[in-house]
Amino acid sequence: MKTEQTHRITELDALRGIAALLVVFFHYTMDQPEANYGFKYGVTGVDLFFIISGFVILLTLEKTRHWKDFVVSRFSRIYPTYWTCVTLTAIFLLLSKHIPWKLFLGSYAANMTMFQTYLGFTDLDGPYWTMIIEMLFYLFMLLIFVTGKLKRVEIIGLFILVPVYYYGRFLPSAAPGIHTMLGQKIPLINHFPLFLAGILFYKIRFDKPSLFRYLLIAVCFYVQLTLFWSGGRSHGVVNYTEYIILLTVYFTLFILYVNGMLGFIVNKVTLFLGKISFGLYLIHQYLALVILIPFAVAHTSLNHFQSVILFALPVELGLATLIHLLVEKPAMDKIRGWYKKRS
């Protein structure tokens, strides 16, 4: 059992590292010629993150005895790192732009909650748009857990896929105003099939494979394709055919994983990237595009992409490593240790 657990975690960490790097290089090369060399496909890296999240959250809940355990687990994993990255980005914003203090403080405080979209504020940095989607999924899974329906999560997910399919396939033309409103108020709807696919992959790996589960994964794949134009950022960067190919790659990676054939992606580089992936994902965009890359281009002989490879990427890898070592891991250990003693 210990061997299986370790093997599982290393492969998921490697996938996280790969997903983070895809997103980072997509942002680094936006509006640059290098985007057409394949880096633009990194816009779909968040799809891989969402599948991983569906897998991991069910894994966590199946080991959870009380809802408070789950809340503390997620809080300790996410908020200290998120708060650190939001604060650093806020400092970078103040240093690089003139922003009215009242407006800035309100936006900063709202962003610290992670629910800024419901408070009427925009994200301080680009990657934050995915965090409310994650939080809504956590709340959805927590509701299933506290109502004692965790063992029926697949059936619940199947029933939810029906209105999600209608939302993506028919609502844009039948009721565009309602479609837009739902996408804004419940952004999880645009990515729900990815999370459910992660749940199903977990069931196949640690419960048992079945034709029903593989068929339901195929349904998740199809429904997610109908959502291509509804939400997320992919439709503005890649075409429908490219999205089909990329989504096929991500689902194939998980099929290989649940069948014990994905060990080839595990190495020191992907595991390192996996460890620092959350901090790297949160901190990279504004800092690189507004400060680091323009600075290198202006003060050295490096062009944009050379500045990415030789300056921005090393700096941000180092910063993400410091965040992991000084904030993410210590805070998680301290909060969970405190909770364990208190319990």
C-alpha atoms as a PDB file:
ATOM      1  CA  MET A   1       0.000   0.000   0.000  1.00  0.00           C
ATOM      2  CA  LYS A   2       2.801   2.392   0.817  1.00  0.00           C
ATOM      3  CA  THR A   3       4.422   1.761  -2.560  1.00  0.00           C
ATOM      4  CA  GLU A   4       1.140   2.465  -4.369  1.00  0.00           C
ATOM      5  CA  GLN A   5       0.613   5.681  -2.412  1.00  0.00           C
ATOM      6  CA  THR A   6       4.098   6.966  -3.195  1.00  0.00           C
ATOM      7  CA  HIS A   7       3.800   6.011  -6.866  1.00  0.00           C
ATOM      8  CA  ARG A   8       0.492   7.823  -7.140  1.00  0.00           C
ATOM      9  CA  ILE A   9       1.705  11.021  -5.530  1.00  0.00           C
ATOM     10  CA  THR A  10       4.854  11.267  -7.637  1.00  0.00           C
ATOM     11  CA  GLU A  11       2.948  10.900 -10.889  1.00  0.00           C
ATOM     12  CA  LEU A  12       0.398  13.530  -9.900  1.00  0.00           C
ATOM     13  CA  ASP A  13       3.168  15.882  -8.803  1.00  0.00           C
ATOM     14  CA  ALA A  14       4.857  15.386 -12.169  1.00  0.00           C
ATOM     15  CA  LEU A  15       1.587  16.174 -13.965  1.00  0.00           C
ATOM     16  CA  ARG A  16       1.167  19.322 -11.851  1.00  0.00           C
ATOM     17  CA  GLY A  17       4.671  20.407 -12.792  1.00  0.00           C
ATOM     18  CA  ILE A  18       3.995  19.863 -16.479  1.00  0.00           C
ATOM     19  CA  ALA A  19       0.671  21.721 -16.294  1.00  0.00           C
ATOM     20  CA  ALA A  20       2.292  24.673 -14.513  1.00  0.00           C
ATOM     21  CA  LEU A  21       5.059  24.920 -17.104  1.00  0.00           C
ATOM     22  CA  LEU A  22       2.514  24.816 -19.930  1.00  0.00           C
ATOM     23  CA  VAL A  23       0.609  27.759 -18.439  1.00  0.00           C
ATOM     24  CA  VAL A  24       3.773  29.726 -17.638  1.00  0.00           C
ATOM     25  CA  PHE A  25       5.175  29.509 -21.160  1.00  0.00           C
ATOM     26  CA  PHE A  26       1.774  30.343 -22.630  1.00  0.00           C
ATOM     27  CA  HIS A  27       1.760  33.606 -20.679  1.00  0.00           C
ATOM     28  CA  TYR A  28       5.425  34.314 -21.391  1.00  0.00           C
ATOM     29  CA  THR A  29       4.861  34.121 -25.151  1.00  0.00           C
ATOM     30  CA  MET A  30       1.445  35.770 -25.507  1.00  0.00           C
ATOM     31  CA  ASP A  31       1.403  38.090 -28.537  1.00  0.00           C
ATOM     32  CA  GLN A  32       4.912  36.918 -29.444  1.00  0.00           C
ATOM     33  CA  PRO A  33       6.040  34.915 -32.521  1.00  0.00           C
ATOM     34  CA  GLU A  34       7.095  32.053 -30.229  1.00  0.00           C
ATOM     35  CA  ALA A  35       3.445  31.442 -29.338  1.00  0.00           C
ATOM     36  CA  ASN A  36       3.029  29.805 -32.744  1.00  0.00           C
ATOM     37  CA  TYR A  37       5.828  27.341 -31.996  1.00  0.00           C
ATOM     38  CA  GLY A  38       3.446  25.464 -29.713  1.00  0.00           C
ATOM     39  CA  PHE A  39       3.560  27.568 -26.571  1.00  0.00           C
ATOM     40  CA  LYS A  40       0.033  28.864 -27.184  1.00  0.00           C
ATOM     41  CA  TYR A  41      -1.277  25.389 -26.372  1.00  0.00           C
ATOM     42  CA  GLY A  42      -0.323  26.010 -22.766  1.00  0.00           C
ATOM     43  CA  VAL A  43      -3.607  27.911 -22.432  1.00  0.00           C
ATOM     44  CA  THR A  44      -5.180  24.478 -21.884  1.00  0.00           C
ATOM     45  CA  GLY A  45      -2.863  23.641 -18.992  1.00  0.00           C
ATOM     46  CA  VAL A  46      -5.638  24.632 -16.582  1.00  0.00           C
ATOM     47  CA  ASP A  47      -7.769  21.790 -18.012  1.00  0.00           C
ATOM     48  CA  LEU A  48      -5.124  19.361 -16.797  1.00  0.00           C
ATOM     49  CA  PHE A  49      -5.075  21.098 -13.405  1.00  0.00           C
ATOM     50  CA  PHE A  50      -8.841  20.665 -13.075  1.00  0.00           C
ATOM     51  CA  ILE A  51      -8.685  16.931 -13.843  1.00  0.00           C
ATOM     52  CA  ILE A  52      -5.945  16.550 -11.238  1.00  0.00           C
ATOM     53  CA  SER A  53      -8.039  18.494  -8.732  1.00  0.00           C
ATOM     54  CA  GLY A  54     -11.059  16.233  -9.213  1.00  0.00           C
ATOM     55  CA  PHE A  55      -8.835  13.220  -8.561  1.00  0.00           C
ATOM     56  CA  VAL A  56      -7.113  14.693  -5.495  1.00  0.00           C
ATOM     57  CA  ILE A  57     -10.216  16.090  -3.800  1.00  0.00           C
ATOM     58  CA  LEU A  58     -12.006  12.742  -3.858  1.00  0.00           C
ATOM     59  CA  LEU A  59      -8.808  11.109  -2.599  1.00  0.00           C
ATOM     60  CA  THR A  60      -8.749  13.603   0.283  1.00  0.00           C
ATOM     61  CA  LEU A  61     -12.425  13.234   1.160  1.00  0.00           C
ATOM     62  CA  GLU A  62     -12.308   9.450   1.200  1.00  0.00           C
ATOM     63  CA  LYS A  63      -9.693   9.743   3.961  1.00  0.00           C
ATOM     64  CA  THR A  64     -11.663  12.427   5.820  1.00  0.00           C
ATOM     65  CA  ARG A  65     -13.737  11.669   8.913  1.00  0.00           C
ATOM     66  CA  HIS A  66     -15.148  15.141   9.644  1.00  0.00           C
ATOM     67  CA  TRP A  67     -15.908  18.076   7.391  1.00  0.00           C
ATOM     68  CA  LYS A  68     -13.621  20.286   9.476  1.00  0.00           C
ATOM     69  CA  ASP A  69     -10.689  18.025   8.561  1.00  0.00           C
ATOM     70  CA  PHE A  70     -11.296  18.762   4.889  1.00  0.00           C
ATOM     71  CA  VAL A  71     -11.667  22.507   5.441  1.00  0.00           C
ATOM     72  CA  VAL A  72      -8.409  22.703   7.398  1.00  0.00           C
ATOM     73  CA  SER A  73      -6.635  20.528   4.840  1.00  0.00           C
ATOM     74  CA  ARG A  74      -7.676  22.739   1.927  1.00  0.00           C
ATOM     75  CA  PHE A  75      -7.178  26.002   3.819  1.00  0.00           C
ATOM     76  CA  SER A  76      -3.638  25.079   4.899  1.00  0.00           C
ATOM     77  CA  ARG A  77      -2.774  23.921   1.393  1.00  0.00           C
ATOM     78  CA  ILE A  78      -4.049  26.956  -0.477  1.00  0.00           C
ATOM     79  CA  TYR A  79      -4.517  30.165   1.488  1.00  0.00           C
ATOM     80  CA  PRO A  80      -1.052  30.858   2.963  1.00  0.00           C
ATOM     81  CA  THR A  81       0.575  30.521  -0.470  1.00  0.00           C
ATOM     82  CA  TYR A  82      -2.239  32.419  -2.154  1.00  0.00           C
ATOM     83  CA  TRP A  83      -2.056  35.271   0.369  1.00  0.00           C
ATOM     84  CA  THR A  84       1.702  35.498  -0.095  1.00  0.00           C
ATOM     85  CA  CYS A  85       1.446  35.656  -3.879  1.00  0.00           C
ATOM     86  CA  VAL A  86      -1.411  38.179  -3.822  1.00  0.00           C
ATOM     87  CA  THR A  87       0.575  40.401  -1.458  1.00  0.00           C
ATOM     88  CA  LEU A  88       3.732  40.198  -3.575  1.00  0.00           C
ATOM     89  CA  THR A  89       1.787  40.987  -6.734  1.00  0.00           C
ATOM     90  CA  ALA A  90       0.091  43.900  -4.962  1.00  0.00           C
ATOM     91  CA  ILE A  91       3.519  45.292  -4.068  1.00  0.00           C
ATOM     92  CA  PHE A  92       4.668  44.887  -7.687  1.00  0.00           C
ATOM     93  CA  LEU A  93       1.522  46.723  -8.824  1.00  0.00           C
ATOM     94  CA  LEU A  94       2.165  49.617  -6.460  1.00  0.00           C
ATOM     95  CA  LEU A  95       5.766  49.866  -7.612  1.00  0.00           C
ATOM     96  CA  SER A  96       4.915  49.859 -11.308  1.00  0.00           C
ATOM     97  CA  LYS A  97       1.618  51.775 -11.496  1.00  0.00           C
ATOM     98  CA  HIS A  98      -0.089  54.762  -9.924  1.00  0.00           C
ATOM     99  CA  ILE A  99      -3.237  53.347  -8.338  1.00  0.00           C
ATOM    100  CA  PRO A 100      -5.666  55.273  -6.078  1.00  0.00           C
ATOM    101  CA  TRP A 101      -5.248  53.918  -2.545  1.00  0.00           C
ATOM    102  CA  LYS A 102      -8.935  53.431  -1.805  1.00  0.00           C
ATOM    103  CA  LEU A 103      -9.465  51.482  -5.008  1.00  0.00           C
ATOM    104  CA  PHE A 104      -6.306  49.483  -4.480  1.00  0.00           C
ATOM    105  CA  LEU A 105      -7.010  48.533  -0.850  1.00  0.00           C
ATOM    106  CA  GLY A 106     -10.522  47.390  -1.710  1.00  0.00           C
ATOM    107  CA  SER A 107      -9.266  45.284  -4.589  1.00  0.00           C
ATOM    108  CA  TYR A 108      -6.452  43.831  -2.495  1.00  0.00           C
ATOM    109  CA  ALA A 109      -8.770  42.919   0.386  1.00  0.00           C
ATOM    110  CA  ALA A 110     -11.282  41.344  -1.992  1.00  0.00           C
ATOM    111  CA  ASN A 111      -8.599  39.331  -3.755  1.00  0.00           C
ATOM    112  CA  MET A 112      -7.346  37.989  -0.436  1.00  0.00           C
ATOM    113  CA  THR A 113     -10.699  36.273   0.079  1.00  0.00           C
ATOM    114  CA  MET A 114     -10.409  34.425  -3.267  1.00  0.00           C
ATOM    115  CA  PHE A 115     -14.076  35.344  -3.868  1.00  0.00           C
ATOM    116  CA  GLN A 116     -13.359  38.723  -5.495  1.00  0.00           C
ATOM    117  CA  THR A 117     -15.570  37.957  -8.495  1.00  0.00           C
ATOM    118  CA  TYR A 118     -18.612  37.864  -6.176  1.00  0.00           C
ATOM    119  CA  LEU A 119     -17.486  41.039  -4.423  1.00  0.00           C
ATOM    120  CA  GLY A 120     -17.393  43.036  -7.650  1.00  0.00           C
ATOM    121  CA  PHE A 121     -13.609  43.263  -8.024  1.00  0.00           C
ATOM    122  CA  THR A 122     -11.316  42.066 -10.789  1.00  0.00           C
ATOM    123  CA  ASP A 123      -8.382  39.702 -10.270  1.00  0.00           C
ATOM    124  CA  LEU A 124      -5.101  41.406  -9.375  1.00  0.00           C
ATOM    125  CA  ASP A 125      -3.268  38.892 -11.561  1.00  0.00           C
ATOM    126  CA  GLY A 126      -4.334  36.775 -14.517  1.00  0.00           C
ATOM    127  CA  PRO A 127      -4.100  33.253 -13.035  1.00  0.00           C
ATOM    128  CA  TYR A 128      -6.485  34.031 -10.174  1.00  0.00           C
ATOM    129  CA  TRP A 129      -9.551  33.405 -12.365  1.00  0.00           C
ATOM    130  CA  THR A 130      -9.210  29.666 -11.792  1.00  0.00           C
ATOM    131  CA  MET A 131      -9.203  29.908  -7.995  1.00  0.00           C
ATOM    132  CA  ILE A 132     -12.915  30.666  -7.638  1.00  0.00           C
ATOM    133  CA  ILE A 133     -13.627  27.654  -9.848  1.00  0.00           C
ATOM    134  CA  GLU A 134     -11.553  25.473  -7.527  1.00  0.00           C
ATOM    135  CA  MET A 135     -13.296  26.904  -4.469  1.00  0.00           C
ATOM    136  CA  LEU A 136     -16.748  26.249  -5.911  1.00  0.00           C
ATOM    137  CA  PHE A 137     -15.736  22.668  -6.640  1.00  0.00           C
ATOM    138  CA  TYR A 138     -14.486  22.246  -3.061  1.00  0.00           C
ATOM    139  CA  LEU A 139     -17.821  23.530  -1.749  1.00  0.00           C
ATOM    140  CA  PHE A 140     -19.704  21.196  -4.070  1.00  0.00           C
ATOM    141  CA  MET A 141     -17.694  18.182  -2.892  1.00  0.00           C
ATOM    142  CA  LEU A 142     -17.987  19.248   0.747  1.00  0.00           C
ATOM    143  CA  LEU A 143     -21.774  19.372   0.358  1.00  0.00           C
ATOM    144  CA  ILE A 144     -21.780  15.838  -1.042  1.00  0.00           C
ATOM    145  CA  PHE A 145     -19.588  14.718   1.856  1.00  0.00           C
ATOM    146  CA  VAL A 146     -21.680  16.245   4.661  1.00  0.00           C
ATOM    147  CA  THR A 147     -24.896  14.844   3.171  1.00  0.00           C
ATOM    148  CA  GLY A 148     -23.379  11.357   3.174  1.00  0.00           C
ATOM    149  CA  LYS A 149     -23.566  10.957  -0.597  1.00  0.00           C
ATOM    150  CA  LEU A 150     -19.850  10.583  -1.371  1.00  0.00           C
ATOM    151  CA  LYS A 151     -20.257   6.992  -2.539  1.00  0.00           C
ATOM    152  CA  ARG A 152     -22.839   8.192  -5.055  1.00  0.00           C
ATOM    153  CA  VAL A 153     -20.717  11.035  -6.422  1.00  0.00           C
ATOM    154  CA  GLU A 154     -20.481   9.426  -9.874  1.00  0.00           C
ATOM    155  CA  ILE A 155     -24.260   9.185 -10.268  1.00  0.00           C
ATOM    156  CA  ILE A 156     -24.697  12.732  -8.949  1.00  0.00           C
ATOM    157  CA  GLY A 157     -22.082  13.898 -11.424  1.00  0.00           C
ATOM    158  CA  LEU A 158     -23.864  12.122 -14.275  1.00  0.00           C
ATOM    159  CA  PHE A 159     -27.151  13.865 -13.468  1.00  0.00           C
ATOM    160  CA  ILE A 160     -25.365  17.240 -13.329  1.00  0.00           C
ATOM    161  CA  LEU A 161     -23.817  16.620 -16.752  1.00  0.00           C
ATOM    162  CA  VAL A 162     -27.279  16.750 -18.325  1.00  0.00           C
ATOM    163  CA  PRO A 163     -28.000  20.450 -17.547  1.00  0.00           C
ATOM    164  CA  VAL A 164     -24.321  21.278 -18.154  1.00  0.00           C
ATOM    165  CA  TYR A 165     -24.633  19.781 -21.647  1.00  0.00           C
ATOM    166  CA  TYR A 166     -27.818  21.765 -22.283  1.00  0.00           C
ATOM    167  CA  TYR A 167     -26.055  24.916 -21.026  1.00  0.00           C
ATOM    168  CA  GLY A 168     -23.150  24.455 -23.430  1.00  0.00           C
ATOM    169  CA  ARG A 169     -24.993  23.041 -26.451  1.00  0.00           C
ATOM    170  CA  PHE A 170     -28.352  24.841 -26.620  1.00  0.00           C
ATOM    171  CA  LEU A 171     -28.470  27.773 -24.190  1.00  0.00           C
ATOM    172  CA  PRO A 172     -26.052  30.059 -26.134  1.00  0.00           C
ATOM    173  CA  SER A 173     -28.576  30.312 -28.970  1.00  0.00           C
ATOM    174  CA  ALA A 174     -31.821  29.722 -27.038  1.00  0.00           C
ATOM    175  CA  ALA A 175     -31.154  32.168 -24.191  1.00  0.00           C
ATOM    176  CA  PRO A 176     -27.780  33.951 -24.578  1.00  0.00           C
ATOM    177  CA  GLY A 177     -28.448  36.294 -21.662  1.00  0.00           C
ATOM    178  CA  ILE A 178     -29.126  33.443 -19.250  1.00  0.00           C
ATOM    179  CA  HIS A 179     -26.117  31.543 -20.646  1.00  0.00           C
ATOM    180  CA  THR A 180     -23.816  34.488 -19.992  1.00  0.00           C
ATOM    181  CA  MET A 181     -25.259  35.065 -16.523  1.00  0.00           C
ATOM    182  CA  LEU A 182     -24.797  31.418 -15.505  1.00  0.00           C
ATOM    183  CA  GLY A 183     -21.212  31.372 -16.778  1.00  0.00           C
ATOM    184  CA  GLN A 184     -20.396  34.488 -14.753  1.00  0.00           C
ATOM    185  CA  LYS A 185     -22.228  33.534 -11.560  1.00  0.00           C
ATOM    186  CA  ILE A 186     -21.315  29.820 -11.551  1.00  0.00           C
ATOM    187  CA  PRO A 187     -18.006  29.570 -13.462  1.00  0.00           C
ATOM    188  CA  LEU A 188     -17.575  25.959 -12.302  1.00  0.00           C
ATOM    189  CA  ILE A 189     -20.222  25.013 -14.874  1.00  0.00           C
ATOM    190  CA  ASN A 190     -17.753  25.632 -17.720  1.00  0.00           C
ATOM    191  CA  HIS A 191     -15.287  23.078 -16.363  1.00  0.00           C
ATOM    192  CA  PHE A 192     -17.369  20.632 -14.338  1.00  0.00           C
ATOM    193  CA  PRO A 193     -16.803  17.682 -16.743  1.00  0.00           C
ATOM    194  CA  LEU A 194     -13.041  17.939 -16.157  1.00  0.00           C
ATOM    195  CA  PHE A 195     -13.419  17.684 -12.382  1.00  0.00           C
ATOM    196  CA  LEU A 196     -15.848  14.781 -12.756  1.00  0.00           C
ATOM    197  CA  ALA A 197     -13.391  13.032 -15.078  1.00  0.00           C
ATOM    198  CA  GLY A 198     -10.753  13.330 -12.354  1.00  0.00           C
ATOM    199  CA  ILE A 199     -13.166  11.756  -9.876  1.00  0.00           C
ATOM    200  CA  LEU A 200     -13.814   8.872 -12.257  1.00  0.00           C
ATOM    201  CA  PHE A 201     -10.118   8.331 -12.867  1.00  0.00           C
ATOM    202  CA  TYR A 202      -9.656   8.099  -9.097  1.00  0.00           C
ATOM    203  CA  LYS A 203     -12.409   5.490  -8.879  1.00  0.00           C
ATOM    204  CA  ILE A 204     -10.840   3.450 -11.656  1.00  0.00           C
ATOM    205  CA  ARG A 205      -7.424   3.598 -10.024  1.00  0.00           C
ATOM    206  CA  PHE A 206      -8.368   2.909  -6.403  1.00  0.00           C
ATOM    207  CA  ASP A 207     -11.766   1.242  -6.562  1.00  0.00           C
ATOM    208  CA  LYS A 208     -12.075  -0.766  -9.769  1.00  0.00           C
ATOM    209  CA  PRO A 209     -12.186  -0.178 -13.517  1.00  0.00           C
ATOM    210  CA  SER A 210     -15.552  -0.687 -15.175  1.00  0.00           C
ATOM    211  CA  LEU A 211     -17.145  -0.124 -18.546  1.00  0.00           C
ATOM    212  CA  PHE A 212     -19.598   2.324 -16.939  1.00  0.00           C
ATOM    213  CA  ARG A 213     -16.765   4.478 -15.614  1.00  0.00           C
ATOM    214  CA  TYR A 214     -14.913   4.552 -18.913  1.00  0.00           C
ATOM    215  CA  LEU A 215     -18.139   5.400 -20.748  1.00  0.00           C
ATOM    216  CA  LEU A 216     -18.860   8.184 -18.273  1.00  0.00           C
ATOM    217  CA  ILE A 217     -15.338   9.540 -18.836  1.00  0.00           C
ATOM    218  CA  ALA A 218     -16.117   9.585 -22.568  1.00  0.00           C
ATOM    219  CA  VAL A 219     -19.301  11.535 -21.791  1.00  0.00           C
ATOM    220  CA  CYS A 220     -17.264  14.019 -19.714  1.00  0.00           C
ATOM    221  CA  PHE A 221     -14.903  14.437 -22.666  1.00  0.00           C
ATOM    222  CA  TYR A 222     -17.773  15.094 -25.082  1.00  0.00           C
ATOM    223  CA  VAL A 223     -19.609  17.504 -22.788  1.00  0.00           C
ATOM    224  CA  GLN A 224     -16.407  19.453 -22.150  1.00  0.00           C
ATOM    225  CA  LEU A 225     -16.031  19.900 -25.901  1.00  0.00           C
ATOM    226  CA  THR A 226     -19.513  21.454 -26.048  1.00  0.00           C
ATOM    227  CA  LEU A 227     -18.292  24.000 -23.476  1.00  0.00           C
ATOM    228  CA  PHE A 228     -15.354  25.108 -25.637  1.00  0.00           C
ATOM    229  CA  TRP A 229     -17.032  28.416 -26.617  1.00  0.00           C
ATOM    230  CA  SER A 230     -18.752  28.981 -23.267  1.00  0.00           C
ATOM    231  CA  GLY A 231     -15.992  29.716 -20.792  1.00  0.00           C
ATOM    232  CA  GLY A 232     -12.346  29.550 -19.931  1.00  0.00           C
ATOM    233  CA  ARG A 233      -9.689  31.098 -22.145  1.00  0.00           C
ATOM    234  CA  SER A 234      -8.932  28.353 -24.673  1.00  0.00           C
ATOM    235  CA  HIS A 235     -11.370  29.411 -27.417  1.00  0.00           C
ATOM    236  CA  GLY A 236      -9.594  32.753 -27.768  1.00  0.00           C
ATOM    237  CA  VAL A 237      -6.229  31.120 -28.432  1.00  0.00           C
ATOM    238  CA  VAL A 238      -6.667  27.682 -30.012  1.00  0.00           C
ATOM    239  CA  ASN A 239      -9.256  26.414 -32.474  1.00  0.00           C
ATOM    240  CA  TYR A 240     -11.760  23.648 -31.838  1.00  0.00           C
ATOM    241  CA  THR A 241      -9.713  20.930 -33.542  1.00  0.00           C
ATOM    242  CA  GLU A 242      -6.611  21.854 -31.560  1.00  0.00           C
ATOM    243  CA  TYR A 243      -8.634  21.760 -28.350  1.00  0.00           C
ATOM    244  CA  ILE A 244      -9.929  18.275 -29.175  1.00  0.00           C
ATOM    245  CA  ILE A 245      -6.366  17.060 -29.699  1.00  0.00           C
ATOM    246  CA  LEU A 246      -5.075  18.636 -26.484  1.00  0.00           C
ATOM    247  CA  LEU A 247      -7.967  17.345 -24.394  1.00  0.00           C
ATOM    248  CA  THR A 248      -7.382  13.900 -25.889  1.00  0.00           C
ATOM    249  CA  VAL A 249      -3.757  14.083 -24.770  1.00  0.00           C
ATOM    250  CA  TYR A 250      -4.732  14.991 -21.195  1.00  0.00           C
ATOM    251  CA  PHE A 251      -7.348  12.248 -20.925  1.00  0.00           C
ATOM    252  CA  THR A 252      -4.889   9.764 -22.440  1.00  0.00           C
ATOM    253  CA  LEU A 253      -2.276  10.696 -19.843  1.00  0.00           C
ATOM    254  CA  PHE A 254      -4.759   9.844 -17.104  1.00  0.00           C
ATOM    255  CA  ILE A 255      -5.792   6.612 -18.786  1.00  0.00           C
ATOM    256  CA  LEU A 256      -2.124   5.644 -18.846  1.00  0.00           C
ATOM    257  CA  TYR A 257      -1.811   6.680 -15.216  1.00  0.00           C
ATOM    258  CA  VAL A 258      -4.752   4.681 -13.881  1.00  0.00           C
ATOM    259  CA  ASN A 259      -3.364   1.659 -15.709  1.00  0.00           C
ATOM    260  CA  GLY A 260       0.079   2.106 -14.162  1.00  0.00           C
ATOM    261  CA  MET A 261       1.837   3.215 -17.353  1.00  0.00           C
ATOM    262  CA  LEU A 262       2.743   6.859 -16.680  1.00  0.00           C
ATOM    263  CA  GLY A 263       5.929   6.377 -14.708  1.00  0.00           C
ATOM    264  CA  PHE A 264       8.006   7.718 -17.594  1.00  0.00           C
ATOM    265  CA  ILE A 265       7.038  11.325 -16.763  1.00  0.00           C
ATOM    266  CA  VAL A 266       8.431  11.101 -13.225  1.00  0.00           C
ATOM    267  CA  ASN A 267      11.911  12.560 -12.847  1.00  0.00           C
ATOM    268  CA  LYS A 268      13.710  15.111 -10.689  1.00  0.00           C
ATOM    269  CA  VAL A 269      12.718  18.021 -12.929  1.00  0.00           C
ATOM    270  CA  THR A 270       8.980  17.275 -13.083  1.00  0.00           C
ATOM    271  CA  LEU A 271       8.851  16.466  -9.362  1.00  0.00           C
ATOM    272  CA  PHE A 272      10.611  19.739  -8.534  1.00  0.00           C
ATOM    273  CA  LEU A 273       8.200  21.653 -10.748  1.00  0.00           C
ATOM    274  CA  GLY A 274       5.311  19.803  -9.122  1.00  0.00           C
ATOM    275  CA  LYS A 275       6.401  20.883  -5.644  1.00  0.00           C
ATOM    276  CA  ILE A 276       6.611  24.565  -6.556  1.00  0.00           C
ATOM    277  CA  SER A 277       3.765  24.501  -9.111  1.00  0.00           C
ATOM    278  CA  PHE A 278       1.162  26.336  -7.032  1.00  0.00           C
ATOM    279  CA  GLY A 279       3.384  29.274  -6.147  1.00  0.00           C
ATOM    280  CA  LEU A 280       4.819  29.413  -9.662  1.00  0.00           C
ATOM    281  CA  TYR A 281       1.335  29.400 -11.178  1.00  0.00           C
ATOM    282  CA  LEU A 282       0.115  32.230  -8.935  1.00  0.00           C
ATOM    283  CA  ILE A 283       3.126  34.549  -9.090  1.00  0.00           C
ATOM    284  CA  HIS A 284       4.426  34.305 -12.636  1.00  0.00           C
ATOM    285  CA  GLN A 285       2.242  36.392 -14.947  1.00  0.00           C
ATOM    286  CA  TYR A 286       2.263  40.030 -13.820  1.00  0.00           C
ATOM    287  CA  LEU A 287       5.789  39.882 -12.456  1.00  0.00           C
ATOM    288  CA  ALA A 288       7.215  38.479 -15.684  1.00  0.00           C
ATOM    289  CA  LEU A 289       5.218  40.368 -18.299  1.00  0.00           C
ATOM    290  CA  VAL A 290       5.185  43.799 -16.666  1.00  0.00           C
ATOM    291  CA  ILE A 291       8.461  43.890 -14.739  1.00  0.00           C
ATOM    292  CA  LEU A 292      11.057  41.191 -15.432  1.00  0.00           C
ATOM    293  CA  ILE A 293      10.890  40.764 -19.206  1.00  0.00           C
ATOM    294  CA  PRO A 294      10.557  44.509 -20.031  1.00  0.00           C
ATOM    295  CA  PHE A 295      13.460  45.228 -17.664  1.00  0.00           C
ATOM    296  CA  ALA A 296      15.710  42.666 -19.352  1.00  0.00           C
ATOM    297  CA  VAL A 297      14.772  43.838 -22.854  1.00  0.00           C
ATOM    298  CA  ALA A 298      15.398  47.481 -21.952  1.00  0.00           C
ATOM    299  CA  HIS A 299      18.679  47.036 -20.096  1.00  0.00           C
ATOM    300  CA  THR A 300      20.362  44.149 -21.905  1.00  0.00           C
ATOM    301  CA  SER A 301      20.842  42.957 -25.478  1.00  0.00           C
ATOM    302  CA  LEU A 302      18.366  40.123 -24.939  1.00  0.00           C
ATOM    303  CA  ASN A 303      15.185  39.896 -26.993  1.00  0.00           C
ATOM    304  CA  HIS A 304      11.832  38.916 -25.494  1.00  0.00           C
ATOM    305  CA  PHE A 305      12.238  35.139 -25.613  1.00  0.00           C
ATOM    306  CA  GLN A 306      15.872  35.258 -24.518  1.00  0.00           C
ATOM    307  CA  SER A 307      14.753  37.367 -21.560  1.00  0.00           C
ATOM    308  CA  VAL A 308      12.203  34.677 -20.740  1.00  0.00           C
ATOM    309  CA  ILE A 309      14.720  31.830 -20.734  1.00  0.00           C
ATOM    310  CA  LEU A 310      17.725  33.593 -19.230  1.00  0.00           C
ATOM    311  CA  PHE A 311      16.089  35.985 -16.790  1.00  0.00           C
ATOM    312  CA  ALA A 312      12.349  35.769 -16.061  1.00  0.00           C
ATOM    313  CA  LEU A 313      12.074  31.979 -15.778  1.00  0.00           C
ATOM    314  CA  PRO A 314      15.101  31.515 -13.460  1.00  0.00           C
ATOM    315  CA  VAL A 315      13.962  34.395 -11.235  1.00  0.00           C
ATOM    316  CA  GLU A 316      10.434  33.070 -10.945  1.00  0.00           C
ATOM    317  CA  LEU A 317      11.544  29.475 -10.386  1.00  0.00           C
ATOM    318  CA  GLY A 318      13.709  30.770  -7.553  1.00  0.00           C
ATOM    319  CA  LEU A 319      10.898  32.874  -6.101  1.00  0.00           C
ATOM    320  CA  ALA A 320       8.436  29.973  -6.301  1.00  0.00           C
ATOM    321  CA  THR A 321      10.973  27.748  -4.566  1.00  0.00           C
ATOM    322  CA  LEU A 322      11.343  30.268  -1.740  1.00  0.00           C
ATOM    323  CA  ILE A 323       7.563  30.521  -1.405  1.00  0.00           C
ATOM    324  CA  HIS A 324       7.336  26.730  -1.192  1.00  0.00           C
ATOM    325  CA  LEU A 325      10.137  26.420   1.373  1.00  0.00           C
ATOM    326  CA  LEU A 326       9.369  29.479   3.506  1.00  0.00           C
ATOM    327  CA  VAL A 327       5.574  29.697   3.301  1.00  0.00           C
ATOM    328  CA  GLU A 328       3.733  26.806   1.671  1.00  0.00           C
ATOM    329  CA  LYS A 329       5.283  23.836   3.458  1.00  0.00           C
ATOM    330  CA  PRO A 330       5.883  25.431   6.910  1.00  0.00           C
ATOM    331  CA  ALA A 331       2.398  26.991   7.026  1.00  0.00           C
ATOM    332  CA  MET A 332       0.735  23.746   5.975  1.00  0.00           C
ATOM    333  CA  ASP A 333       2.651  21.756   8.582  1.00  0.00           C
ATOM    334  CA  LYS A 334       2.010  24.306  11.327  1.00  0.00           C
ATOM    335  CA  ILE A 335      -1.732  24.710  10.662  1.00  0.00           C
ATOM    336  CA  ARG A 336      -2.316  20.971  10.355  1.00  0.00           C
ATOM    337  CA  GLY A 337      -0.185  20.287  13.444  1.00  0.00           C
ATOM    338  CA  TRP A 338      -2.137  22.871  15.431  1.00  0.00           C
ATOM    339  CA  TYR A 339      -5.426  21.398  14.262  1.00  0.00           C
ATOM    340  CA  LYS A 340      -4.338  17.865  15.104  1.00  0.00           C
ATOM    341  CA  LYS A 341      -3.392  18.873  18.661  1.00  0.00           C
ATOM    342  CA  ARG A 342      -6.601  20.840  19.082  1.00  0.00           C
ATOM    343  CA  SER A 343      -8.667  17.905  17.854  1.00  0.00           C
END
